[in-house]
Amino acid sequence: MKKNLLVVVLVIILGLCLSSTVFAEALKVGLVFDIGGKGDKSFNDSAYRGLEWAKEDFGIKRITLEPGAAADREINLRMLASIGYDVVVGVGFLFTDAIIAVADEFPDTKFVIIDGFIPDKPNVVSCLFPEPQASFLVGMIAGMKAQEDGKDTVGFVGGMDIPLIRGFEAGYIAGVHYVYPECKILSGYAGDTPIAFADPVKGKELALSQYDNGAWVIYHASGLTGAGVFEAGKERKRYIIGVDSNQNFMGFIEETGENFGLTSMLKQVDVAVY
């Protein structure tokens, strides 16, 4: 009798434990995109991909928001924290001031900044990446391709002219010259404001100029602006190196079956968000 009673008690305890596990509330994660937003096939899409992986593997509840004006960054972060999201991700260095402003107000919320560094705040995680090293590798590929095809010039198109993107350029130049010291490198930036990451027309204009001045391969680090670089490459039938996500497919010309997407520098923002 006692043994049967013990079994019943154990079954009840086990059932309660399983019930609490099954009905535990899912982790809530909010992500606010950088300029260019979802669909840029580059930086933002990489962050979104990591969020989707987390949803599939961990069953998180997630929401994404896209800022319009710069002030929306802080508004969106504060809104997500105030409605109880456990983790709030700001995609891009432009979120630095906004997260600094909001983090102290919500000490129980975990904030994550991609491409930024915020020290001395226990509820903030900063994700930084070795972009110059990865850019060095694609620079080697660009230099080798130019040399192999008997060309002497490659190019670089950056988005916003800031130290972060200058790091991409510096690594790329070092990689090109490591394998092809005599190679010339043309560089251009889409602007000095955040919209420079979301201007495909300017990207195409810069790339066409570089191609017409002899560039055989162009590496872009410019977010959505890079869509214009791919358009220029396909028009001139010259090569493009993508960034952040695998953009090789963007160099494909359906009518001819040719693909001028040479390779892509995978920064793996998706892995960091995941």
C-alpha atoms as a PDB file:
ATOM      1  CA  MET A   1       0.000   0.000   0.000  1.00  0.00           C
ATOM      2  CA  LYS A   2       2.774   2.401   1.000  1.00  0.00           C
ATOM      3  CA  LYS A   3       4.696   1.472  -2.139  1.00  0.00           C
ATOM      4  CA  ASN A   4       1.654   2.220  -4.341  1.00  0.00           C
ATOM      5  CA  LEU A   5       1.134   5.560  -2.594  1.00  0.00           C
ATOM      6  CA  LEU A   6       4.786   6.492  -3.166  1.00  0.00           C
ATOM      7  CA  VAL A   7       4.445   5.701  -6.871  1.00  0.00           C
ATOM      8  CA  VAL A   8       1.340   7.911  -7.142  1.00  0.00           C
ATOM      9  CA  VAL A   9       3.116  10.808  -5.410  1.00  0.00           C
ATOM     10  CA  LEU A  10       6.137  10.486  -7.711  1.00  0.00           C
ATOM     11  CA  VAL A  11       3.871  10.441 -10.781  1.00  0.00           C
ATOM     12  CA  ILE A  12       2.106  13.601  -9.600  1.00  0.00           C
ATOM     13  CA  ILE A  13       5.413  15.394  -8.938  1.00  0.00           C
ATOM     14  CA  LEU A  14       6.760  14.349 -12.350  1.00  0.00           C
ATOM     15  CA  GLY A  15       3.549  15.578 -14.019  1.00  0.00           C
ATOM     16  CA  LEU A  16       3.832  18.954 -12.308  1.00  0.00           C
ATOM     17  CA  CYS A  17       7.456  19.303 -13.390  1.00  0.00           C
ATOM     18  CA  LEU A  18       6.611  18.460 -16.986  1.00  0.00           C
ATOM     19  CA  SER A  19       3.650  20.849 -16.943  1.00  0.00           C
ATOM     20  CA  SER A  20       5.792  23.729 -15.732  1.00  0.00           C
ATOM     21  CA  THR A  21       8.311  22.973 -18.498  1.00  0.00           C
ATOM     22  CA  VAL A  22       5.704  22.685 -21.235  1.00  0.00           C
ATOM     23  CA  PHE A  23       3.848  25.835 -20.253  1.00  0.00           C
ATOM     24  CA  ALA A  24       6.897  27.969 -19.422  1.00  0.00           C
ATOM     25  CA  GLU A  25       6.663  31.272 -21.232  1.00  0.00           C
ATOM     26  CA  ALA A  26       8.847  31.502 -24.331  1.00  0.00           C
ATOM     27  CA  LEU A  27      11.760  33.919 -24.338  1.00  0.00           C
ATOM     28  CA  LYS A  28      10.705  37.138 -26.060  1.00  0.00           C
ATOM     29  CA  VAL A  29      13.255  38.712 -28.399  1.00  0.00           C
ATOM     30  CA  GLY A  30      12.793  41.998 -30.251  1.00  0.00           C
ATOM     31  CA  LEU A  31      15.058  43.110 -33.085  1.00  0.00           C
ATOM     32  CA  VAL A  32      15.238  46.589 -34.610  1.00  0.00           C
ATOM     33  CA  PHE A  33      16.770  46.726 -38.075  1.00  0.00           C
ATOM     34  CA  ASP A  34      19.426  49.130 -39.277  1.00  0.00           C
ATOM     35  CA  ILE A  35      18.887  51.520 -42.181  1.00  0.00           C
ATOM     36  CA  GLY A  36      18.071  49.580 -45.340  1.00  0.00           C
ATOM     37  CA  GLY A  37      15.868  47.237 -43.331  1.00  0.00           C
ATOM     38  CA  LYS A  38      14.746  43.717 -43.984  1.00  0.00           C
ATOM     39  CA  GLY A  39      15.221  42.718 -47.589  1.00  0.00           C
ATOM     40  CA  ASP A  40      18.636  44.326 -48.103  1.00  0.00           C
ATOM     41  CA  LYS A  41      20.083  40.856 -48.920  1.00  0.00           C
ATOM     42  CA  SER A  42      23.059  41.819 -46.772  1.00  0.00           C
ATOM     43  CA  PHE A  43      23.545  43.058 -43.196  1.00  0.00           C
ATOM     44  CA  ASN A  44      19.943  43.262 -41.987  1.00  0.00           C
ATOM     45  CA  ASP A  45      18.903  40.031 -43.665  1.00  0.00           C
ATOM     46  CA  SER A  46      21.782  38.272 -41.966  1.00  0.00           C
ATOM     47  CA  ALA A  47      20.547  39.450 -38.553  1.00  0.00           C
ATOM     48  CA  TYR A  48      17.005  38.353 -39.396  1.00  0.00           C
ATOM     49  CA  ARG A  49      18.249  34.939 -40.479  1.00  0.00           C
ATOM     50  CA  GLY A  50      19.829  34.407 -37.056  1.00  0.00           C
ATOM     51  CA  LEU A  51      16.576  35.418 -35.350  1.00  0.00           C
ATOM     52  CA  GLU A  52      14.652  32.888 -37.442  1.00  0.00           C
ATOM     53  CA  TRP A  53      17.145  30.161 -36.577  1.00  0.00           C
ATOM     54  CA  ALA A  54      16.599  30.917 -32.889  1.00  0.00           C
ATOM     55  CA  LYS A  55      12.830  30.726 -33.359  1.00  0.00           C
ATOM     56  CA  GLU A  56      13.098  27.322 -35.016  1.00  0.00           C
ATOM     57  CA  ASP A  57      15.569  25.844 -32.527  1.00  0.00           C
ATOM     58  CA  PHE A  58      14.495  27.435 -29.241  1.00  0.00           C
ATOM     59  CA  GLY A  59      10.859  28.386 -29.814  1.00  0.00           C
ATOM     60  CA  ILE A  60      11.395  32.042 -28.964  1.00  0.00           C
ATOM     61  CA  LYS A  61       8.704  34.638 -29.509  1.00  0.00           C
ATOM     62  CA  ARG A  62      10.151  37.321 -31.778  1.00  0.00           C
ATOM     63  CA  ILE A  63       9.238  40.640 -33.340  1.00  0.00           C
ATOM     64  CA  THR A  64      11.100  42.904 -35.757  1.00  0.00           C
ATOM     65  CA  LEU A  65      10.806  46.656 -36.236  1.00  0.00           C
ATOM     66  CA  GLU A  66      12.215  49.021 -38.832  1.00  0.00           C
ATOM     67  CA  PRO A  67      13.223  52.552 -37.823  1.00  0.00           C
ATOM     68  CA  GLY A  68      12.337  55.453 -40.080  1.00  0.00           C
ATOM     69  CA  ALA A  69      13.911  58.609 -38.705  1.00  0.00           C
ATOM     70  CA  ALA A  70      16.947  58.365 -36.428  1.00  0.00           C
ATOM     71  CA  ALA A  71      14.788  59.120 -33.379  1.00  0.00           C
ATOM     72  CA  ASP A  72      12.807  55.936 -34.003  1.00  0.00           C
ATOM     73  CA  ARG A  73      15.739  53.824 -32.821  1.00  0.00           C
ATOM     74  CA  GLU A  74      15.395  54.915 -29.217  1.00  0.00           C
ATOM     75  CA  ILE A  75      11.599  54.883 -29.402  1.00  0.00           C
ATOM     76  CA  ASN A  76      11.513  51.333 -30.738  1.00  0.00           C
ATOM     77  CA  LEU A  77      14.025  50.035 -28.194  1.00  0.00           C
ATOM     78  CA  ARG A  78      12.123  51.625 -25.324  1.00  0.00           C
ATOM     79  CA  MET A  79       8.800  50.284 -26.586  1.00  0.00           C
ATOM     80  CA  LEU A  80      10.079  46.696 -26.799  1.00  0.00           C
ATOM     81  CA  ALA A  81      11.575  46.879 -23.316  1.00  0.00           C
ATOM     82  CA  SER A  82       8.460  48.457 -21.809  1.00  0.00           C
ATOM     83  CA  ILE A  83       6.151  45.728 -23.123  1.00  0.00           C
ATOM     84  CA  GLY A  84       8.261  43.009 -21.585  1.00  0.00           C
ATOM     85  CA  TYR A  85      10.656  41.745 -24.228  1.00  0.00           C
ATOM     86  CA  ASP A  86      13.500  39.870 -22.532  1.00  0.00           C
ATOM     87  CA  VAL A  87      16.169  40.571 -25.154  1.00  0.00           C
ATOM     88  CA  VAL A  88      16.264  43.607 -27.451  1.00  0.00           C
ATOM     89  CA  VAL A  89      18.719  43.703 -30.373  1.00  0.00           C
ATOM     90  CA  GLY A  90      19.842  46.870 -32.164  1.00  0.00           C
ATOM     91  CA  VAL A  91      21.327  46.003 -35.550  1.00  0.00           C
ATOM     92  CA  GLY A  92      24.162  48.414 -36.276  1.00  0.00           C
ATOM     93  CA  PHE A  93      26.503  50.932 -34.654  1.00  0.00           C
ATOM     94  CA  LEU A  94      23.880  53.644 -35.114  1.00  0.00           C
ATOM     95  CA  PHE A  95      22.077  52.167 -32.092  1.00  0.00           C
ATOM     96  CA  THR A  96      24.911  53.046 -29.708  1.00  0.00           C
ATOM     97  CA  ASP A  97      23.424  56.268 -28.288  1.00  0.00           C
ATOM     98  CA  ALA A  98      19.900  54.826 -28.189  1.00  0.00           C
ATOM     99  CA  ILE A  99      20.917  51.745 -26.207  1.00  0.00           C
ATOM    100  CA  ILE A 100      22.997  53.838 -23.804  1.00  0.00           C
ATOM    101  CA  ALA A 101      19.923  55.997 -23.198  1.00  0.00           C
ATOM    102  CA  VAL A 102      17.529  53.099 -22.640  1.00  0.00           C
ATOM    103  CA  ALA A 103      19.582  50.376 -20.931  1.00  0.00           C
ATOM    104  CA  ASP A 104      19.649  52.040 -17.498  1.00  0.00           C
ATOM    105  CA  GLU A 105      15.883  52.511 -17.554  1.00  0.00           C
ATOM    106  CA  PHE A 106      15.310  48.763 -18.004  1.00  0.00           C
ATOM    107  CA  PRO A 107      17.980  46.931 -15.967  1.00  0.00           C
ATOM    108  CA  ASP A 108      16.140  43.603 -16.257  1.00  0.00           C
ATOM    109  CA  THR A 109      16.116  43.721 -20.060  1.00  0.00           C
ATOM    110  CA  LYS A 110      19.119  42.400 -21.963  1.00  0.00           C
ATOM    111  CA  PHE A 111      20.218  44.636 -24.845  1.00  0.00           C
ATOM    112  CA  VAL A 112      22.451  43.562 -27.715  1.00  0.00           C
ATOM    113  CA  ILE A 113      24.246  45.916 -30.095  1.00  0.00           C
ATOM    114  CA  ILE A 114      25.655  44.649 -33.388  1.00  0.00           C
ATOM    115  CA  ASP A 115      28.786  46.475 -34.624  1.00  0.00           C
ATOM    116  CA  GLY A 116      28.982  48.682 -31.541  1.00  0.00           C
ATOM    117  CA  PHE A 117      30.772  48.716 -28.191  1.00  0.00           C
ATOM    118  CA  ILE A 118      29.055  49.830 -24.999  1.00  0.00           C
ATOM    119  CA  PRO A 119      31.186  49.138 -21.889  1.00  0.00           C
ATOM    120  CA  ASP A 120      30.257  49.209 -18.208  1.00  0.00           C
ATOM    121  CA  LYS A 121      26.612  48.235 -18.613  1.00  0.00           C
ATOM    122  CA  PRO A 122      25.917  44.745 -17.240  1.00  0.00           C
ATOM    123  CA  ASN A 123      22.725  44.318 -19.267  1.00  0.00           C
ATOM    124  CA  VAL A 124      24.333  45.161 -22.636  1.00  0.00           C
ATOM    125  CA  VAL A 125      26.175  42.714 -24.883  1.00  0.00           C
ATOM    126  CA  SER A 126      28.383  44.222 -27.618  1.00  0.00           C
ATOM    127  CA  CYS A 127      29.026  42.178 -30.770  1.00  0.00           C
ATOM    128  CA  LEU A 128      32.080  43.175 -32.785  1.00  0.00           C
ATOM    129  CA  PHE A 129      33.581  41.414 -35.790  1.00  0.00           C
ATOM    130  CA  PRO A 130      37.048  41.151 -37.398  1.00  0.00           C
ATOM    131  CA  GLU A 131      36.003  42.739 -40.703  1.00  0.00           C
ATOM    132  CA  PRO A 132      39.539  43.711 -41.821  1.00  0.00           C
ATOM    133  CA  GLN A 133      40.741  40.109 -41.575  1.00  0.00           C
ATOM    134  CA  ALA A 134      37.819  38.745 -43.580  1.00  0.00           C
ATOM    135  CA  SER A 135      38.190  41.585 -46.085  1.00  0.00           C
ATOM    136  CA  PHE A 136      41.863  40.671 -46.445  1.00  0.00           C
ATOM    137  CA  LEU A 137      40.821  37.219 -47.636  1.00  0.00           C
ATOM    138  CA  VAL A 138      38.417  38.499 -50.293  1.00  0.00           C
ATOM    139  CA  GLY A 139      41.082  41.028 -51.286  1.00  0.00           C
ATOM    140  CA  MET A 140      43.383  38.112 -52.009  1.00  0.00           C
ATOM    141  CA  ILE A 141      40.658  36.541 -54.150  1.00  0.00           C
ATOM    142  CA  ALA A 142      40.109  39.802 -56.066  1.00  0.00           C
ATOM    143  CA  GLY A 143      43.832  40.220 -56.681  1.00  0.00           C
ATOM    144  CA  MET A 144      44.245  36.631 -57.810  1.00  0.00           C
ATOM    145  CA  LYS A 145      41.275  36.909 -60.171  1.00  0.00           C
ATOM    146  CA  ALA A 146      42.566  40.147 -61.719  1.00  0.00           C
ATOM    147  CA  GLN A 147      46.051  38.743 -62.141  1.00  0.00           C
ATOM    148  CA  GLU A 148      44.775  35.451 -63.571  1.00  0.00           C
ATOM    149  CA  ASP A 149      42.683  37.330 -66.160  1.00  0.00           C
ATOM    150  CA  GLY A 150      45.496  39.712 -67.112  1.00  0.00           C
ATOM    151  CA  LYS A 151      43.956  42.809 -65.488  1.00  0.00           C
ATOM    152  CA  ASP A 152      45.659  45.370 -63.273  1.00  0.00           C
ATOM    153  CA  THR A 153      42.858  47.183 -61.392  1.00  0.00           C
ATOM    154  CA  VAL A 154      40.189  46.324 -58.810  1.00  0.00           C
ATOM    155  CA  GLY A 155      37.737  48.490 -56.889  1.00  0.00           C
ATOM    156  CA  PHE A 156      36.025  49.065 -53.547  1.00  0.00           C
ATOM    157  CA  VAL A 157      32.642  50.691 -52.869  1.00  0.00           C
ATOM    158  CA  GLY A 158      31.828  51.639 -49.283  1.00  0.00           C
ATOM    159  CA  GLY A 159      28.574  52.850 -47.808  1.00  0.00           C
ATOM    160  CA  MET A 160      28.961  55.543 -45.161  1.00  0.00           C
ATOM    161  CA  ASP A 161      32.478  56.943 -44.867  1.00  0.00           C
ATOM    162  CA  ILE A 162      33.246  55.966 -41.262  1.00  0.00           C
ATOM    163  CA  PRO A 163      36.083  54.095 -39.500  1.00  0.00           C
ATOM    164  CA  LEU A 164      34.104  50.830 -39.479  1.00  0.00           C
ATOM    165  CA  ILE A 165      33.858  50.737 -43.282  1.00  0.00           C
ATOM    166  CA  ARG A 166      37.386  52.071 -43.669  1.00  0.00           C
ATOM    167  CA  GLY A 167      38.417  48.871 -41.891  1.00  0.00           C
ATOM    168  CA  PHE A 168      36.792  46.807 -44.636  1.00  0.00           C
ATOM    169  CA  GLU A 169      38.655  48.851 -47.241  1.00  0.00           C
ATOM    170  CA  ALA A 170      42.021  48.626 -45.454  1.00  0.00           C
ATOM    171  CA  GLY A 171      41.800  44.853 -45.099  1.00  0.00           C
ATOM    172  CA  TYR A 172      40.773  44.478 -48.732  1.00  0.00           C
ATOM    173  CA  ILE A 173      43.646  46.626 -50.013  1.00  0.00           C
ATOM    174  CA  ALA A 174      46.151  44.685 -47.913  1.00  0.00           C
ATOM    175  CA  GLY A 175      44.810  41.388 -49.265  1.00  0.00           C
ATOM    176  CA  VAL A 176      44.959  42.535 -52.885  1.00  0.00           C
ATOM    177  CA  HIS A 177      48.535  43.764 -52.526  1.00  0.00           C
ATOM    178  CA  TYR A 178      49.591  40.615 -50.669  1.00  0.00           C
ATOM    179  CA  VAL A 179      49.031  38.539 -53.808  1.00  0.00           C
ATOM    180  CA  TYR A 180      49.369  41.254 -56.473  1.00  0.00           C
ATOM    181  CA  PRO A 181      51.558  44.160 -55.284  1.00  0.00           C
ATOM    182  CA  GLU A 182      51.316  46.059 -58.581  1.00  0.00           C
ATOM    183  CA  CYS A 183      47.499  46.035 -58.694  1.00  0.00           C
ATOM    184  CA  LYS A 184      45.759  49.433 -58.654  1.00  0.00           C
ATOM    185  CA  ILE A 185      42.779  49.926 -56.374  1.00  0.00           C
ATOM    186  CA  LEU A 186      39.955  52.412 -56.947  1.00  0.00           C
ATOM    187  CA  SER A 187      37.836  53.375 -53.922  1.00  0.00           C
ATOM    188  CA  GLY A 188      34.632  55.340 -53.457  1.00  0.00           C
ATOM    189  CA  TYR A 189      32.009  55.975 -50.780  1.00  0.00           C
ATOM    190  CA  ALA A 190      28.294  56.572 -51.197  1.00  0.00           C
ATOM    191  CA  GLY A 191      28.222  59.392 -48.635  1.00  0.00           C
ATOM    192  CA  ASP A 192      28.840  60.486 -45.068  1.00  0.00           C
ATOM    193  CA  THR A 193      25.349  59.997 -43.621  1.00  0.00           C
ATOM    194  CA  PRO A 194      23.476  56.767 -42.784  1.00  0.00           C
ATOM    195  CA  ILE A 195      21.447  56.901 -46.025  1.00  0.00           C
ATOM    196  CA  ALA A 196      24.698  55.924 -47.763  1.00  0.00           C
ATOM    197  CA  PHE A 197      23.864  52.340 -46.773  1.00  0.00           C
ATOM    198  CA  ALA A 198      20.544  52.455 -48.638  1.00  0.00           C
ATOM    199  CA  ASP A 199      21.285  54.156 -51.977  1.00  0.00           C
ATOM    200  CA  PRO A 200      21.514  51.598 -54.830  1.00  0.00           C
ATOM    201  CA  VAL A 201      21.503  54.385 -57.432  1.00  0.00           C
ATOM    202  CA  LYS A 202      24.666  55.876 -55.957  1.00  0.00           C
ATOM    203  CA  GLY A 203      26.167  52.413 -55.617  1.00  0.00           C
ATOM    204  CA  LYS A 204      25.636  51.733 -59.305  1.00  0.00           C
ATOM    205  CA  GLU A 205      27.051  55.131 -60.262  1.00  0.00           C
ATOM    206  CA  LEU A 206      30.241  54.543 -58.248  1.00  0.00           C
ATOM    207  CA  ALA A 207      30.673  51.010 -59.585  1.00  0.00           C
ATOM    208  CA  LEU A 208      30.151  51.988 -63.231  1.00  0.00           C
ATOM    209  CA  SER A 209      32.792  54.681 -62.848  1.00  0.00           C
ATOM    210  CA  GLN A 210      35.266  52.191 -61.403  1.00  0.00           C
ATOM    211  CA  TYR A 211      34.538  49.559 -64.042  1.00  0.00           C
ATOM    212  CA  ASP A 212      34.924  52.147 -66.779  1.00  0.00           C
ATOM    213  CA  ASN A 213      38.280  53.103 -65.285  1.00  0.00           C
ATOM    214  CA  GLY A 214      39.564  49.552 -65.483  1.00  0.00           C
ATOM    215  CA  ALA A 215      38.333  47.752 -62.353  1.00  0.00           C
ATOM    216  CA  TRP A 216      37.926  44.031 -63.018  1.00  0.00           C
ATOM    217  CA  VAL A 217      36.533  43.134 -59.589  1.00  0.00           C
ATOM    218  CA  ILE A 218      34.693  45.370 -57.074  1.00  0.00           C
ATOM    219  CA  TYR A 219      34.189  44.543 -53.415  1.00  0.00           C
ATOM    220  CA  HIS A 220      31.347  46.429 -51.751  1.00  0.00           C
ATOM    221  CA  ALA A 221      30.696  47.054 -48.062  1.00  0.00           C
ATOM    222  CA  SER A 222      27.598  49.175 -48.376  1.00  0.00           C
ATOM    223  CA  GLY A 223      24.441  47.316 -47.343  1.00  0.00           C
ATOM    224  CA  LEU A 224      21.499  47.890 -49.664  1.00  0.00           C
ATOM    225  CA  THR A 225      23.627  50.303 -51.726  1.00  0.00           C
ATOM    226  CA  GLY A 226      25.477  47.222 -52.932  1.00  0.00           C
ATOM    227  CA  ALA A 227      22.458  46.157 -54.999  1.00  0.00           C
ATOM    228  CA  GLY A 228      23.464  48.906 -57.408  1.00  0.00           C
ATOM    229  CA  VAL A 229      27.030  47.601 -57.521  1.00  0.00           C
ATOM    230  CA  PHE A 230      25.713  44.211 -58.631  1.00  0.00           C
ATOM    231  CA  GLU A 231      23.594  45.848 -61.316  1.00  0.00           C
ATOM    232  CA  ALA A 232      26.661  47.675 -62.633  1.00  0.00           C
ATOM    233  CA  GLY A 233      28.728  44.494 -62.614  1.00  0.00           C
ATOM    234  CA  LYS A 234      26.149  42.626 -64.640  1.00  0.00           C
ATOM    235  CA  GLU A 235      25.883  45.491 -67.134  1.00  0.00           C
ATOM    236  CA  ARG A 236      29.651  45.631 -67.630  1.00  0.00           C
ATOM    237  CA  LYS A 237      30.071  41.854 -67.233  1.00  0.00           C
ATOM    238  CA  ARG A 238      32.694  42.274 -64.540  1.00  0.00           C
ATOM    239  CA  TYR A 239      32.997  40.753 -61.128  1.00  0.00           C
ATOM    240  CA  ILE A 240      31.509  41.692 -57.756  1.00  0.00           C
ATOM    241  CA  ILE A 241      32.312  40.520 -54.231  1.00  0.00           C
ATOM    242  CA  GLY A 242      29.353  40.641 -51.850  1.00  0.00           C
ATOM    243  CA  VAL A 243      29.266  41.267 -48.120  1.00  0.00           C
ATOM    244  CA  ASP A 244      27.593  40.074 -44.893  1.00  0.00           C
ATOM    245  CA  SER A 245      25.321  37.507 -46.579  1.00  0.00           C
ATOM    246  CA  ASN A 246      26.036  35.135 -49.453  1.00  0.00           C
ATOM    247  CA  GLN A 247      25.288  37.478 -52.361  1.00  0.00           C
ATOM    248  CA  ASN A 248      26.835  35.392 -55.125  1.00  0.00           C
ATOM    249  CA  PHE A 249      23.411  34.815 -56.707  1.00  0.00           C
ATOM    250  CA  MET A 250      22.968  38.569 -57.219  1.00  0.00           C
ATOM    251  CA  GLY A 251      25.564  38.471 -60.004  1.00  0.00           C
ATOM    252  CA  PHE A 252      23.600  35.923 -62.035  1.00  0.00           C
ATOM    253  CA  ILE A 253      22.347  36.922 -65.492  1.00  0.00           C
ATOM    254  CA  GLU A 254      19.362  34.737 -66.278  1.00  0.00           C
ATOM    255  CA  GLU A 255      19.387  35.351 -70.039  1.00  0.00           C
ATOM    256  CA  THR A 256      22.960  34.137 -70.529  1.00  0.00           C
ATOM    257  CA  GLY A 257      23.500  31.889 -67.511  1.00  0.00           C
ATOM    258  CA  GLU A 258      26.617  33.875 -66.574  1.00  0.00           C
ATOM    259  CA  ASN A 259      27.338  34.711 -62.949  1.00  0.00           C
ATOM    260  CA  PHE A 260      29.608  37.618 -61.994  1.00  0.00           C
ATOM    261  CA  GLY A 261      29.192  37.141 -58.263  1.00  0.00           C
ATOM    262  CA  LEU A 262      32.772  36.116 -57.540  1.00  0.00           C
ATOM    263  CA  THR A 263      32.410  35.423 -53.805  1.00  0.00           C
ATOM    264  CA  SER A 264      31.062  37.013 -50.614  1.00  0.00           C
ATOM    265  CA  MET A 265      32.563  38.023 -47.283  1.00  0.00           C
ATOM    266  CA  LEU A 266      30.399  36.335 -44.646  1.00  0.00           C
ATOM    267  CA  LYS A 267      30.543  38.409 -41.469  1.00  0.00           C
ATOM    268  CA  GLN A 268      28.176  35.957 -39.728  1.00  0.00           C
ATOM    269  CA  VAL A 269      25.932  38.467 -38.006  1.00  0.00           C
ATOM    270  CA  ASP A 270      23.354  35.678 -38.235  1.00  0.00           C
ATOM    271  CA  VAL A 271      25.461  33.467 -35.967  1.00  0.00           C
ATOM    272  CA  ALA A 272      25.937  36.309 -33.473  1.00  0.00           C
ATOM    273  CA  VAL A 273      22.189  37.005 -33.264  1.00  0.00           C
ATOM    274  CA  TYR A 274      21.405  33.288 -32.992  1.00  0.00           C
END
